[in-house]
């Protein structure tokens, strides 16, 4: 994928849809322009699947063929992982870990967890796909990831800024109240989507619809 970087410098990343991950040259993911980050968010929403191919036990750099090193990092209070080349050729990062790196994923609040328990018994972990029994807790027993949700305010703000910058386009500000509305008065289809594809994927599809409405 050819993307726009900061100061209009081009950024190229390789994408593998079956294993749901990106390969960036070293530090290139940090140079993405806001519009490109939103483009990748939309892409993730359109291509997230529960049939993800598990990563191989050994991942190799496509440039030098050296074994990639599993790396644990933090963005604010959010942990994420990726596999990096020790020779700094680049790194491989999964779709959701890319969103964590961009600080777009937040753990659910106690109130949101309580609302989930009223409507759903079992929810698949967004990180590893294992089932989470909400009656037992709000964390995956397999990979220990907490139940999380896309931080909807950040894409809303980015969309509004991009729209203001495009003087030739009519002004449009996405209505973020919809996600809170779903938490307060959820409808049957929304809960069904949460069970089938997960909270984060549902929110990503909403972002994709917003972007389509304003031509991004």
N, C-alpha and C. Protein backbone atom coordinates (compact mmCIF):
# COMPACT_ATOMS: atom_id res chain seq x y z
N UNK A 1 0.84 -1.19 0.00
CA UNK A 1 0.00 0.00 0.00
C UNK A 1 0.88 1.24 0.00
N UNK A 2 0.53 2.20 -0.89
CA UNK A 2 1.23 3.47 -0.93
C UNK A 2 0.43 4.50 -0.14
N UNK A 3 1.05 5.07 0.87
CA UNK A 3 0.37 5.95 1.80
C UNK A 3 1.08 7.30 1.86
N UNK A 4 0.35 8.27 2.39
CA UNK A 4 0.93 9.59 2.57
C UNK A 4 1.55 9.70 3.95
N UNK A 5 2.78 10.19 3.99
CA UNK A 5 3.43 10.41 5.27
C UNK A 5 3.39 11.86 5.67
N UNK A 6 3.97 12.16 6.80
CA UNK A 6 4.05 13.54 7.25
C UNK A 6 4.90 14.35 6.28
N UNK A 7 4.55 15.63 6.13
CA UNK A 7 5.22 16.53 5.17
C UNK A 7 5.11 15.99 3.75
N UNK A 8 4.03 15.20 3.51
CA UNK A 8 3.71 14.66 2.19
C UNK A 8 4.77 13.70 1.66
N UNK A 9 5.58 13.16 2.54
CA UNK A 9 6.55 12.16 2.12
C UNK A 9 5.84 10.80 2.00
N UNK A 10 6.11 10.04 0.95
CA UNK A 10 5.42 8.76 0.77
C UNK A 10 5.87 7.71 1.77
N UNK A 11 4.93 6.88 2.18
CA UNK A 11 5.21 5.73 3.05
C UNK A 11 4.58 4.50 2.40
N UNK A 12 5.37 3.46 2.27
CA UNK A 12 4.87 2.21 1.69
C UNK A 12 4.88 1.13 2.76
N UNK A 13 3.81 0.37 2.84
CA UNK A 13 3.79 -0.79 3.74
C UNK A 13 3.26 -1.99 2.99
N UNK A 14 3.72 -3.16 3.39
CA UNK A 14 3.21 -4.41 2.83
C UNK A 14 2.12 -4.95 3.76
N UNK A 15 1.10 -5.54 3.15
CA UNK A 15 -0.06 -6.01 3.91
C UNK A 15 -0.29 -7.49 3.63
N UNK A 16 -0.53 -8.25 4.68
CA UNK A 16 -0.97 -9.64 4.54
C UNK A 16 -2.35 -9.75 5.18
N UNK A 17 -3.38 -9.91 4.34
CA UNK A 17 -4.74 -10.01 4.87
C UNK A 17 -4.97 -11.33 5.60
N UNK A 18 -4.53 -12.49 5.06
CA UNK A 18 -4.80 -13.75 5.77
C UNK A 18 -4.24 -13.78 7.19
N UNK A 19 -3.04 -13.22 7.42
CA UNK A 19 -2.50 -13.22 8.78
C UNK A 19 -2.71 -11.87 9.46
N UNK A 20 -3.40 -10.93 8.76
CA UNK A 20 -3.86 -9.67 9.35
C UNK A 20 -2.72 -8.89 10.00
N UNK A 21 -1.76 -8.50 9.17
CA UNK A 21 -0.64 -7.73 9.69
C UNK A 21 -0.01 -6.85 8.63
N UNK A 22 0.79 -5.89 9.09
CA UNK A 22 1.51 -4.96 8.23
C UNK A 22 3.01 -5.13 8.42
N UNK A 23 3.76 -4.93 7.34
CA UNK A 23 5.21 -4.84 7.41
C UNK A 23 5.59 -3.41 7.04
N UNK A 24 6.23 -2.71 7.99
CA UNK A 24 6.72 -1.36 7.76
C UNK A 24 8.24 -1.37 7.80
N UNK A 25 8.86 -0.56 6.95
CA UNK A 25 10.28 -0.28 7.14
C UNK A 25 10.43 0.41 8.49
N UNK A 26 11.60 0.29 9.09
CA UNK A 26 11.82 0.78 10.45
C UNK A 26 11.40 2.24 10.59
N UNK A 27 10.55 2.49 11.60
CA UNK A 27 10.07 3.82 11.99
C UNK A 27 9.07 4.44 11.01
N UNK A 28 8.76 3.77 9.89
CA UNK A 28 7.86 4.36 8.92
C UNK A 28 6.43 4.48 9.44
N UNK A 29 6.01 3.55 10.30
CA UNK A 29 4.64 3.64 10.82
C UNK A 29 4.44 4.88 11.67
N UNK A 30 5.54 5.39 12.25
CA UNK A 30 5.46 6.61 13.05
C UNK A 30 5.37 7.86 12.20
N UNK A 31 5.64 7.72 10.89
CA UNK A 31 5.65 8.87 9.99
C UNK A 31 4.36 9.01 9.20
N UNK A 32 3.36 8.17 9.48
CA UNK A 32 2.11 8.22 8.73
C UNK A 32 1.37 9.53 8.98
N UNK A 33 0.80 10.10 7.92
CA UNK A 33 -0.07 11.26 8.05
C UNK A 33 -1.41 10.80 8.62
N UNK A 34 -2.16 11.69 9.28
CA UNK A 34 -3.46 11.29 9.85
C UNK A 34 -4.39 10.63 8.84
N UNK A 35 -4.43 11.15 7.61
CA UNK A 35 -5.31 10.55 6.60
C UNK A 35 -4.93 9.11 6.31
N UNK A 36 -3.63 8.81 6.33
CA UNK A 36 -3.18 7.44 6.06
C UNK A 36 -3.52 6.51 7.22
N UNK A 37 -3.41 7.01 8.45
CA UNK A 37 -3.79 6.20 9.61
C UNK A 37 -5.27 5.85 9.54
N UNK A 38 -6.10 6.82 9.18
CA UNK A 38 -7.54 6.55 9.03
C UNK A 38 -7.79 5.56 7.89
N UNK A 39 -7.03 5.68 6.81
CA UNK A 39 -7.18 4.75 5.69
C UNK A 39 -6.88 3.32 6.15
N UNK A 40 -5.84 3.16 6.97
CA UNK A 40 -5.51 1.82 7.47
C UNK A 40 -6.56 1.34 8.47
N UNK A 41 -7.13 2.25 9.26
CA UNK A 41 -8.21 1.86 10.17
C UNK A 41 -9.39 1.30 9.38
N UNK A 42 -9.75 2.01 8.31
CA UNK A 42 -10.85 1.54 7.46
C UNK A 42 -10.52 0.19 6.84
N UNK A 43 -9.28 0.05 6.38
CA UNK A 43 -8.84 -1.21 5.78
C UNK A 43 -8.93 -2.35 6.79
N UNK A 44 -8.50 -2.10 8.02
CA UNK A 44 -8.57 -3.12 9.06
C UNK A 44 -10.02 -3.53 9.30
N UNK A 45 -10.91 -2.53 9.37
CA UNK A 45 -12.33 -2.83 9.59
C UNK A 45 -12.93 -3.68 8.49
N UNK A 46 -12.47 -3.46 7.25
CA UNK A 46 -13.01 -4.20 6.12
C UNK A 46 -12.39 -5.58 5.95
N UNK A 47 -11.26 -5.82 6.61
CA UNK A 47 -10.54 -7.07 6.39
C UNK A 47 -10.27 -7.89 7.64
N UNK A 48 -10.84 -7.48 8.77
CA UNK A 48 -10.68 -8.26 9.99
C UNK A 48 -11.54 -9.52 9.91
N UNK A 49 -10.97 -10.64 10.27
CA UNK A 49 -11.68 -11.92 10.17
C UNK A 49 -11.29 -12.81 11.33
N UNK A 50 -12.24 -13.63 11.75
CA UNK A 50 -11.96 -14.59 12.81
C UNK A 50 -11.13 -15.77 12.28
N UNK A 51 -10.98 -15.87 10.94
CA UNK A 51 -10.22 -16.97 10.35
C UNK A 51 -8.78 -16.57 10.08
N UNK A 52 -8.23 -15.71 10.92
CA UNK A 52 -6.85 -15.28 10.77
C UNK A 52 -5.89 -16.46 10.84
N UNK A 53 -4.90 -16.48 9.95
CA UNK A 53 -3.88 -17.52 9.98
C UNK A 53 -2.91 -17.23 11.12
N UNK A 54 -2.69 -18.17 12.04
CA UNK A 54 -1.75 -17.92 13.14
C UNK A 54 -0.35 -17.65 12.64
N UNK A 55 0.37 -16.79 13.36
CA UNK A 55 1.75 -16.48 12.99
C UNK A 55 2.62 -17.72 13.13
N UNK A 56 3.62 -17.81 12.28
CA UNK A 56 4.57 -18.92 12.36
C UNK A 56 5.39 -18.82 13.63
N UNK A 57 5.95 -19.93 14.06
CA UNK A 57 6.79 -19.92 15.25
C UNK A 57 8.03 -19.05 15.05
N UNK A 58 8.53 -19.02 13.82
CA UNK A 58 9.70 -18.20 13.50
C UNK A 58 9.34 -17.30 12.33
N UNK A 59 9.43 -15.99 12.52
CA UNK A 59 9.20 -15.02 11.46
C UNK A 59 10.54 -14.46 11.01
N UNK A 60 10.69 -14.30 9.69
CA UNK A 60 11.97 -13.84 9.16
C UNK A 60 11.81 -12.52 8.41
N UNK A 61 12.85 -11.71 8.50
CA UNK A 61 12.87 -10.43 7.81
C UNK A 61 12.84 -10.68 6.30
N UNK A 62 11.96 -10.03 5.55
CA UNK A 62 11.92 -10.24 4.10
C UNK A 62 13.12 -9.62 3.38
N UNK A 63 13.91 -8.82 4.07
CA UNK A 63 15.08 -8.19 3.46
C UNK A 63 16.34 -9.03 3.66
N UNK A 64 16.63 -9.38 4.94
CA UNK A 64 17.88 -10.08 5.23
C UNK A 64 17.67 -11.53 5.66
N UNK A 65 16.43 -11.95 5.85
CA UNK A 65 16.08 -13.32 6.23
C UNK A 65 16.50 -13.69 7.66
N UNK A 66 16.94 -12.72 8.44
CA UNK A 66 17.25 -12.98 9.85
C UNK A 66 15.93 -13.15 10.63
N UNK A 67 15.98 -13.90 11.73
CA UNK A 67 14.80 -14.11 12.56
C UNK A 67 14.34 -12.80 13.19
N UNK A 68 13.05 -12.51 13.07
CA UNK A 68 12.50 -11.31 13.69
C UNK A 68 12.36 -11.52 15.19
N UNK A 69 12.58 -10.46 15.95
CA UNK A 69 12.54 -10.53 17.40
C UNK A 69 11.21 -10.04 17.93
N UNK A 70 10.54 -10.87 18.72
CA UNK A 70 9.29 -10.46 19.35
C UNK A 70 9.58 -9.34 20.34
N UNK A 71 8.87 -8.22 20.21
CA UNK A 71 9.16 -7.04 21.01
C UNK A 71 7.89 -6.56 21.70
N UNK A 72 8.00 -6.29 22.99
CA UNK A 72 6.87 -5.76 23.78
C UNK A 72 7.10 -4.28 24.02
N UNK A 73 6.06 -3.49 23.78
CA UNK A 73 6.18 -2.05 23.92
C UNK A 73 4.91 -1.51 24.56
N UNK A 74 4.92 -0.21 24.85
CA UNK A 74 3.77 0.46 25.48
C UNK A 74 3.47 1.75 24.75
N UNK A 75 2.18 2.04 24.61
CA UNK A 75 1.72 3.34 24.14
C UNK A 75 0.81 3.90 25.23
N UNK A 76 1.32 4.88 25.97
CA UNK A 76 0.63 5.35 27.18
C UNK A 76 0.48 4.16 28.13
N UNK A 77 -0.78 3.76 28.40
CA UNK A 77 -1.01 2.64 29.32
C UNK A 77 -1.41 1.37 28.57
N UNK A 78 -1.21 1.36 27.25
CA UNK A 78 -1.65 0.24 26.44
C UNK A 78 -0.45 -0.56 25.93
N UNK A 79 -0.34 -1.84 26.30
CA UNK A 79 0.76 -2.67 25.79
C UNK A 79 0.46 -3.15 24.37
N UNK A 80 1.49 -3.30 23.56
CA UNK A 80 1.34 -3.89 22.24
C UNK A 80 2.63 -4.63 21.89
N UNK A 81 2.53 -5.50 20.90
CA UNK A 81 3.68 -6.31 20.50
C UNK A 81 3.89 -6.23 18.99
N UNK A 82 5.11 -6.47 18.57
CA UNK A 82 5.44 -6.56 17.15
C UNK A 82 6.72 -7.36 17.01
N UNK A 83 7.08 -7.71 15.79
CA UNK A 83 8.30 -8.47 15.51
C UNK A 83 9.22 -7.57 14.69
N UNK A 84 10.43 -7.34 15.17
CA UNK A 84 11.34 -6.39 14.50
C UNK A 84 12.61 -7.07 14.02
N UNK A 85 13.16 -6.50 12.97
CA UNK A 85 14.45 -6.95 12.47
C UNK A 85 15.55 -6.30 13.29
N UNK A 86 16.48 -7.11 13.79
CA UNK A 86 17.56 -6.58 14.63
C UNK A 86 18.52 -5.69 13.82
N UNK A 87 18.47 -5.82 12.48
CA UNK A 87 19.29 -4.98 11.62
C UNK A 87 18.53 -3.73 11.16
N UNK A 88 17.36 -3.51 11.76
CA UNK A 88 16.55 -2.31 11.53
C UNK A 88 16.05 -2.18 10.09
N UNK A 89 15.72 -3.33 9.48
CA UNK A 89 15.12 -3.27 8.15
C UNK A 89 13.62 -2.97 8.24
N UNK A 90 13.01 -3.29 9.37
CA UNK A 90 11.59 -3.03 9.50
C UNK A 90 10.97 -3.86 10.61
N UNK A 91 9.62 -3.82 10.68
CA UNK A 91 8.93 -4.62 11.69
C UNK A 91 7.58 -5.07 11.16
N UNK A 92 7.13 -6.20 11.68
CA UNK A 92 5.82 -6.77 11.35
C UNK A 92 4.91 -6.57 12.56
N UNK A 93 3.69 -6.04 12.30
CA UNK A 93 2.77 -5.77 13.40
C UNK A 93 1.36 -6.15 12.98
N UNK A 94 0.63 -6.81 13.88
CA UNK A 94 -0.74 -7.21 13.61
C UNK A 94 -1.68 -6.02 13.54
N UNK A 95 -2.84 -6.25 12.93
CA UNK A 95 -3.81 -5.17 12.75
C UNK A 95 -4.14 -4.47 14.08
N UNK A 96 -4.55 -5.26 15.08
CA UNK A 96 -4.98 -4.64 16.33
C UNK A 96 -3.82 -4.06 17.12
N UNK A 97 -2.65 -4.67 17.02
CA UNK A 97 -1.49 -4.08 17.69
C UNK A 97 -1.09 -2.76 17.03
N UNK A 98 -1.33 -2.63 15.72
CA UNK A 98 -1.12 -1.34 15.06
C UNK A 98 -2.03 -0.28 15.67
N UNK A 99 -3.29 -0.64 15.93
CA UNK A 99 -4.22 0.30 16.55
C UNK A 99 -3.81 0.62 17.98
N UNK A 100 -3.25 -0.36 18.68
CA UNK A 100 -2.75 -0.09 20.03
C UNK A 100 -1.55 0.86 19.97
N UNK A 101 -0.67 0.62 19.00
CA UNK A 101 0.49 1.50 18.85
C UNK A 101 0.05 2.94 18.62
N UNK A 102 -1.04 3.13 17.90
CA UNK A 102 -1.56 4.46 17.62
C UNK A 102 -2.44 4.99 18.75
N UNK A 103 -2.55 4.21 19.83
CA UNK A 103 -3.30 4.62 21.02
C UNK A 103 -4.79 4.77 20.74
N UNK A 104 -5.32 3.87 19.90
CA UNK A 104 -6.73 3.93 19.54
C UNK A 104 -7.60 2.92 20.29
N UNK A 105 -6.97 2.05 21.09
CA UNK A 105 -7.75 1.02 21.77
C UNK A 105 -7.68 1.26 23.28
N UNK A 106 -8.83 1.19 23.92
CA UNK A 106 -8.95 1.43 25.36
C UNK A 106 -9.67 0.27 26.04
N UNK A 107 -9.27 -0.10 27.26
CA UNK A 107 -10.04 -1.09 28.02
C UNK A 107 -11.45 -0.56 28.30
N UNK A 108 -12.40 -1.45 28.37
CA UNK A 108 -13.77 -1.05 28.68
C UNK A 108 -13.88 -0.54 30.11
N UNK A 109 -14.79 0.40 30.31
CA UNK A 109 -15.07 0.89 31.65
C UNK A 109 -15.93 -0.13 32.39
N UNK A 110 -15.98 -0.09 33.71
CA UNK A 110 -16.87 -1.00 34.45
C UNK A 110 -18.32 -0.90 34.00
N UNK A 111 -18.78 0.32 33.66
CA UNK A 111 -20.15 0.50 33.20
C UNK A 111 -20.39 -0.21 31.87
N UNK A 112 -19.42 -0.12 30.94
CA UNK A 112 -19.57 -0.78 29.65
C UNK A 112 -19.54 -2.30 29.81
N UNK A 113 -18.70 -2.80 30.71
CA UNK A 113 -18.65 -4.24 30.97
C UNK A 113 -19.97 -4.73 31.54
N UNK A 114 -20.55 -3.95 32.45
CA UNK A 114 -21.85 -4.32 33.04
C UNK A 114 -22.93 -4.38 31.96
N UNK A 115 -22.92 -3.44 31.01
CA UNK A 115 -23.90 -3.45 29.92
C UNK A 115 -23.71 -4.67 29.03
N UNK A 116 -22.47 -5.04 28.77
CA UNK A 116 -22.21 -6.24 27.99
C UNK A 116 -22.78 -7.47 28.67
N UNK A 117 -22.57 -7.57 29.97
CA UNK A 117 -23.03 -8.75 30.71
C UNK A 117 -24.55 -8.88 30.68
N UNK A 118 -25.25 -7.77 30.53
CA UNK A 118 -26.71 -7.82 30.45
C UNK A 118 -27.19 -8.43 29.14
N UNK A 119 -26.34 -8.40 28.11
CA UNK A 119 -26.78 -8.79 26.78
C UNK A 119 -25.99 -9.95 26.16
N UNK A 120 -24.78 -10.19 26.66
CA UNK A 120 -23.91 -11.20 26.06
C UNK A 120 -23.29 -12.06 27.15
N UNK A 121 -23.20 -13.36 26.90
CA UNK A 121 -22.58 -14.27 27.85
C UNK A 121 -21.13 -14.59 27.47
N UNK A 122 -20.92 -14.87 26.17
CA UNK A 122 -19.59 -15.25 25.68
C UNK A 122 -19.17 -14.27 24.58
N UNK A 123 -17.95 -13.78 24.68
CA UNK A 123 -17.40 -12.86 23.68
C UNK A 123 -16.00 -13.33 23.32
N UNK A 124 -15.68 -13.34 22.05
CA UNK A 124 -14.34 -13.78 21.63
C UNK A 124 -13.32 -12.67 21.86
N UNK A 125 -12.15 -13.07 22.34
CA UNK A 125 -11.06 -12.13 22.59
C UNK A 125 -10.61 -11.50 21.27
N UNK A 126 -10.46 -10.17 21.23
CA UNK A 126 -10.03 -9.49 20.01
C UNK A 126 -8.57 -9.76 19.71
N UNK A 127 -7.82 -10.24 20.70
CA UNK A 127 -6.38 -10.44 20.51
C UNK A 127 -6.06 -11.83 19.99
N UNK A 128 -6.63 -12.86 20.61
CA UNK A 128 -6.29 -14.23 20.23
C UNK A 128 -7.48 -15.05 19.73
N UNK A 129 -8.69 -14.53 19.91
CA UNK A 129 -9.87 -15.25 19.45
C UNK A 129 -10.47 -16.23 20.42
N UNK A 130 -9.83 -16.42 21.58
CA UNK A 130 -10.36 -17.37 22.57
C UNK A 130 -11.66 -16.82 23.18
N UNK A 131 -12.58 -17.69 23.60
CA UNK A 131 -13.83 -17.21 24.19
C UNK A 131 -13.60 -16.65 25.59
N UNK A 132 -14.30 -15.56 25.89
CA UNK A 132 -14.27 -14.95 27.22
C UNK A 132 -15.65 -15.10 27.84
N UNK A 133 -15.73 -15.78 28.97
CA UNK A 133 -16.98 -15.94 29.70
C UNK A 133 -17.15 -14.72 30.59
N UNK A 134 -18.09 -13.84 30.23
CA UNK A 134 -18.25 -12.59 30.97
C UNK A 134 -18.74 -12.82 32.39
N UNK A 135 -19.31 -14.00 32.66
CA UNK A 135 -19.73 -14.30 34.02
C UNK A 135 -18.53 -14.53 34.94
N UNK A 136 -17.39 -14.89 34.34
CA UNK A 136 -16.19 -15.18 35.13
C UNK A 136 -15.25 -13.98 35.22
N UNK A 137 -15.32 -13.07 34.27
CA UNK A 137 -14.41 -11.93 34.31
C UNK A 137 -14.44 -11.15 33.02
N UNK A 138 -13.57 -10.16 32.92
CA UNK A 138 -13.51 -9.29 31.75
C UNK A 138 -12.13 -9.32 31.12
N UNK A 139 -11.44 -10.46 31.27
CA UNK A 139 -10.10 -10.61 30.71
C UNK A 139 -9.97 -12.01 30.11
N UNK A 140 -9.27 -12.10 28.99
CA UNK A 140 -9.06 -13.38 28.34
C UNK A 140 -8.18 -14.27 29.21
N UNK A 141 -8.65 -15.48 29.52
CA UNK A 141 -7.85 -16.39 30.33
C UNK A 141 -6.67 -16.97 29.57
N UNK A 142 -6.73 -16.87 28.23
CA UNK A 142 -5.66 -17.46 27.41
C UNK A 142 -4.48 -16.50 27.24
N UNK A 143 -4.76 -15.25 26.79
CA UNK A 143 -3.66 -14.30 26.53
C UNK A 143 -3.65 -13.13 27.51
N UNK A 144 -4.64 -13.10 28.43
CA UNK A 144 -4.71 -12.09 29.49
C UNK A 144 -4.99 -10.67 28.97
N UNK A 145 -5.56 -10.57 27.75
CA UNK A 145 -5.94 -9.25 27.23
C UNK A 145 -7.26 -8.82 27.84
N UNK A 146 -7.37 -7.57 28.30
CA UNK A 146 -8.65 -7.09 28.84
C UNK A 146 -9.63 -6.80 27.71
N UNK A 147 -10.91 -6.87 28.02
CA UNK A 147 -11.91 -6.45 27.04
C UNK A 147 -11.67 -4.98 26.69
N UNK A 148 -11.63 -4.69 25.40
CA UNK A 148 -11.25 -3.35 24.96
C UNK A 148 -12.20 -2.85 23.88
N UNK A 149 -12.11 -1.55 23.63
CA UNK A 149 -12.97 -0.89 22.65
C UNK A 149 -12.16 0.17 21.93
N UNK A 150 -12.51 0.42 20.68
CA UNK A 150 -11.87 1.50 19.94
C UNK A 150 -12.24 2.83 20.58
N UNK A 151 -11.23 3.69 20.78
CA UNK A 151 -11.46 5.04 21.29
C UNK A 151 -12.05 5.86 20.14
N UNK A 152 -13.36 6.06 20.15
CA UNK A 152 -14.04 6.66 19.01
C UNK A 152 -13.78 8.16 18.87
N UNK A 153 -13.34 8.80 19.92
CA UNK A 153 -13.13 10.25 19.84
C UNK A 153 -11.97 10.60 18.91
N UNK A 154 -10.93 9.78 18.89
CA UNK A 154 -9.76 10.12 18.07
C UNK A 154 -10.07 10.09 16.58
N UNK A 155 -10.69 9.04 16.02
CA UNK A 155 -11.01 9.11 14.59
C UNK A 155 -12.01 10.22 14.27
N UNK A 156 -12.93 10.51 15.20
CA UNK A 156 -13.87 11.61 14.97
C UNK A 156 -13.12 12.93 14.81
N UNK A 157 -12.19 13.19 15.69
CA UNK A 157 -11.43 14.44 15.63
C UNK A 157 -10.59 14.51 14.37
N UNK A 158 -9.97 13.38 13.98
CA UNK A 158 -9.15 13.37 12.78
C UNK A 158 -10.00 13.60 11.53
N UNK A 159 -11.18 12.99 11.48
CA UNK A 159 -12.07 13.18 10.34
C UNK A 159 -12.51 14.63 10.24
N UNK A 160 -12.83 15.23 11.38
CA UNK A 160 -13.26 16.62 11.37
C UNK A 160 -12.14 17.54 10.89
N UNK A 161 -10.91 17.27 11.33
CA UNK A 161 -9.77 18.09 10.91
C UNK A 161 -9.50 17.94 9.42
N UNK A 162 -9.57 16.71 8.91
CA UNK A 162 -9.35 16.50 7.49
C UNK A 162 -10.43 17.17 6.66
N UNK A 163 -11.65 17.13 7.16
CA UNK A 163 -12.75 17.73 6.43
C UNK A 163 -12.62 19.24 6.38
N UNK A 164 -12.18 19.83 7.48
CA UNK A 164 -11.98 21.27 7.49
C UNK A 164 -10.85 21.68 6.55
N UNK A 165 -9.84 20.82 6.43
CA UNK A 165 -8.71 21.12 5.56
C UNK A 165 -9.06 21.02 4.09
N UNK A 166 -10.08 20.24 3.77
CA UNK A 166 -10.50 20.08 2.37
C UNK A 166 -11.56 21.13 2.06
N UNK A 167 -11.15 22.31 1.65
CA UNK A 167 -12.07 23.44 1.48
C UNK A 167 -13.10 23.18 0.38
N UNK A 168 -12.77 22.31 -0.56
CA UNK A 168 -13.69 22.08 -1.66
C UNK A 168 -14.84 21.16 -1.29
N UNK A 169 -14.74 20.54 -0.10
CA UNK A 169 -15.76 19.60 0.31
C UNK A 169 -16.66 20.22 1.37
N UNK A 170 -17.94 19.86 1.40
CA UNK A 170 -18.83 20.39 2.44
C UNK A 170 -18.42 19.91 3.81
N UNK A 171 -18.62 20.74 4.82
CA UNK A 171 -18.21 20.38 6.18
C UNK A 171 -19.11 19.28 6.73
N UNK A 172 -18.50 18.30 7.33
CA UNK A 172 -19.25 17.21 7.95
C UNK A 172 -18.51 16.75 9.19
N UNK A 173 -19.19 16.71 10.30
CA UNK A 173 -18.62 16.20 11.53
C UNK A 173 -19.37 14.94 11.94
N UNK A 174 -18.72 13.80 11.97
CA UNK A 174 -19.39 12.55 12.34
C UNK A 174 -20.03 12.64 13.72
N UNK A 175 -21.16 12.01 13.86
CA UNK A 175 -21.88 12.03 15.13
C UNK A 175 -21.42 10.87 15.98
N UNK A 176 -20.59 11.18 16.98
CA UNK A 176 -20.02 10.15 17.84
C UNK A 176 -21.01 9.63 18.86
N UNK A 177 -22.15 10.31 19.01
CA UNK A 177 -23.11 9.90 20.03
C UNK A 177 -23.67 8.52 19.74
N UNK A 178 -23.51 8.04 18.49
CA UNK A 178 -24.09 6.75 18.12
C UNK A 178 -23.53 5.62 18.97
N UNK A 179 -22.23 5.62 19.25
CA UNK A 179 -21.66 4.53 20.02
C UNK A 179 -22.16 4.55 21.45
N UNK A 180 -22.29 5.73 22.03
CA UNK A 180 -22.85 5.80 23.37
C UNK A 180 -24.31 5.40 23.36
N UNK A 181 -25.01 5.74 22.27
CA UNK A 181 -26.40 5.33 22.15
C UNK A 181 -26.52 3.81 22.16
N UNK A 182 -25.63 3.15 21.48
CA UNK A 182 -25.66 1.69 21.44
C UNK A 182 -25.43 1.10 22.82
N UNK A 183 -24.55 1.73 23.60
CA UNK A 183 -24.32 1.23 24.95
C UNK A 183 -25.55 1.44 25.82
N UNK A 184 -26.25 2.55 25.61
CA UNK A 184 -27.40 2.86 26.46
C UNK A 184 -28.64 2.11 26.01
N UNK A 185 -28.87 2.08 24.67
CA UNK A 185 -30.07 1.45 24.13
C UNK A 185 -29.69 0.57 22.95
N UNK A 186 -28.98 -0.51 23.19
CA UNK A 186 -28.49 -1.35 22.09
C UNK A 186 -29.63 -2.04 21.36
N UNK A 187 -29.46 -2.21 20.03
CA UNK A 187 -30.46 -2.94 19.27
C UNK A 187 -29.93 -4.34 18.96
N UNK A 188 -30.82 -5.20 18.55
CA UNK A 188 -30.49 -6.62 18.40
C UNK A 188 -29.37 -6.85 17.40
N UNK A 189 -29.39 -6.15 16.26
CA UNK A 189 -28.38 -6.37 15.24
C UNK A 189 -26.99 -5.99 15.75
N UNK A 190 -26.92 -4.90 16.55
CA UNK A 190 -25.61 -4.46 17.03
C UNK A 190 -25.00 -5.50 17.95
N UNK A 191 -25.79 -6.06 18.87
CA UNK A 191 -25.27 -7.08 19.77
C UNK A 191 -24.87 -8.32 19.00
N UNK A 192 -25.61 -8.65 17.95
CA UNK A 192 -25.24 -9.79 17.13
C UNK A 192 -23.90 -9.58 16.44
N UNK A 193 -23.66 -8.34 15.97
CA UNK A 193 -22.37 -8.03 15.36
C UNK A 193 -21.24 -8.14 16.38
N UNK A 194 -21.47 -7.69 17.61
CA UNK A 194 -20.45 -7.76 18.65
C UNK A 194 -20.06 -9.21 18.91
N UNK A 195 -21.06 -10.10 18.97
CA UNK A 195 -20.78 -11.51 19.23
C UNK A 195 -20.01 -12.13 18.07
N UNK A 196 -20.37 -11.77 16.83
CA UNK A 196 -19.78 -12.44 15.66
C UNK A 196 -18.40 -11.90 15.31
N UNK A 197 -18.19 -10.58 15.40
CA UNK A 197 -16.90 -10.02 14.96
C UNK A 197 -16.17 -9.25 16.05
N UNK A 198 -16.83 -8.94 17.18
CA UNK A 198 -16.14 -8.29 18.29
C UNK A 198 -16.38 -6.79 18.36
N UNK A 199 -16.14 -6.24 19.55
CA UNK A 199 -16.38 -4.83 19.80
C UNK A 199 -15.53 -3.92 18.91
N UNK A 200 -14.24 -4.22 18.80
CA UNK A 200 -13.36 -3.34 18.04
C UNK A 200 -13.71 -3.37 16.57
N UNK A 201 -14.00 -4.54 16.02
CA UNK A 201 -14.35 -4.64 14.61
C UNK A 201 -15.64 -3.89 14.30
N UNK A 202 -16.62 -3.94 15.20
CA UNK A 202 -17.87 -3.19 15.01
C UNK A 202 -17.58 -1.70 14.94
N UNK A 203 -16.75 -1.21 15.86
CA UNK A 203 -16.41 0.21 15.87
C UNK A 203 -15.64 0.60 14.62
N UNK A 204 -14.75 -0.26 14.14
CA UNK A 204 -14.00 0.03 12.92
C UNK A 204 -14.91 0.15 11.71
N UNK A 205 -15.94 -0.68 11.67
CA UNK A 205 -16.89 -0.60 10.56
C UNK A 205 -17.65 0.73 10.61
N UNK A 206 -17.93 1.23 11.81
CA UNK A 206 -18.57 2.53 11.94
C UNK A 206 -17.66 3.62 11.40
N UNK A 207 -16.38 3.57 11.73
CA UNK A 207 -15.42 4.55 11.22
C UNK A 207 -15.37 4.48 9.69
N UNK A 208 -15.39 3.27 9.14
CA UNK A 208 -15.39 3.11 7.70
C UNK A 208 -16.59 3.76 7.04
N UNK A 209 -17.76 3.64 7.68
CA UNK A 209 -18.96 4.27 7.13
C UNK A 209 -18.84 5.79 7.18
N UNK A 210 -18.30 6.33 8.27
CA UNK A 210 -18.09 7.78 8.36
C UNK A 210 -17.18 8.26 7.22
N UNK A 211 -16.09 7.53 6.99
CA UNK A 211 -15.14 7.94 5.97
C UNK A 211 -15.76 7.88 4.58
N UNK A 212 -16.60 6.87 4.34
CA UNK A 212 -17.26 6.78 3.05
C UNK A 212 -18.22 7.94 2.82
N UNK A 213 -18.85 8.39 3.89
CA UNK A 213 -19.81 9.49 3.76
C UNK A 213 -19.14 10.81 3.40
N UNK A 214 -17.89 10.98 3.78
CA UNK A 214 -17.22 12.25 3.48
C UNK A 214 -16.14 12.09 2.41
N UNK A 215 -16.13 10.93 1.75
CA UNK A 215 -15.27 10.76 0.60
C UNK A 215 -13.82 10.44 0.90
N UNK A 216 -13.51 9.88 2.06
CA UNK A 216 -12.13 9.50 2.38
C UNK A 216 -11.96 8.01 2.18
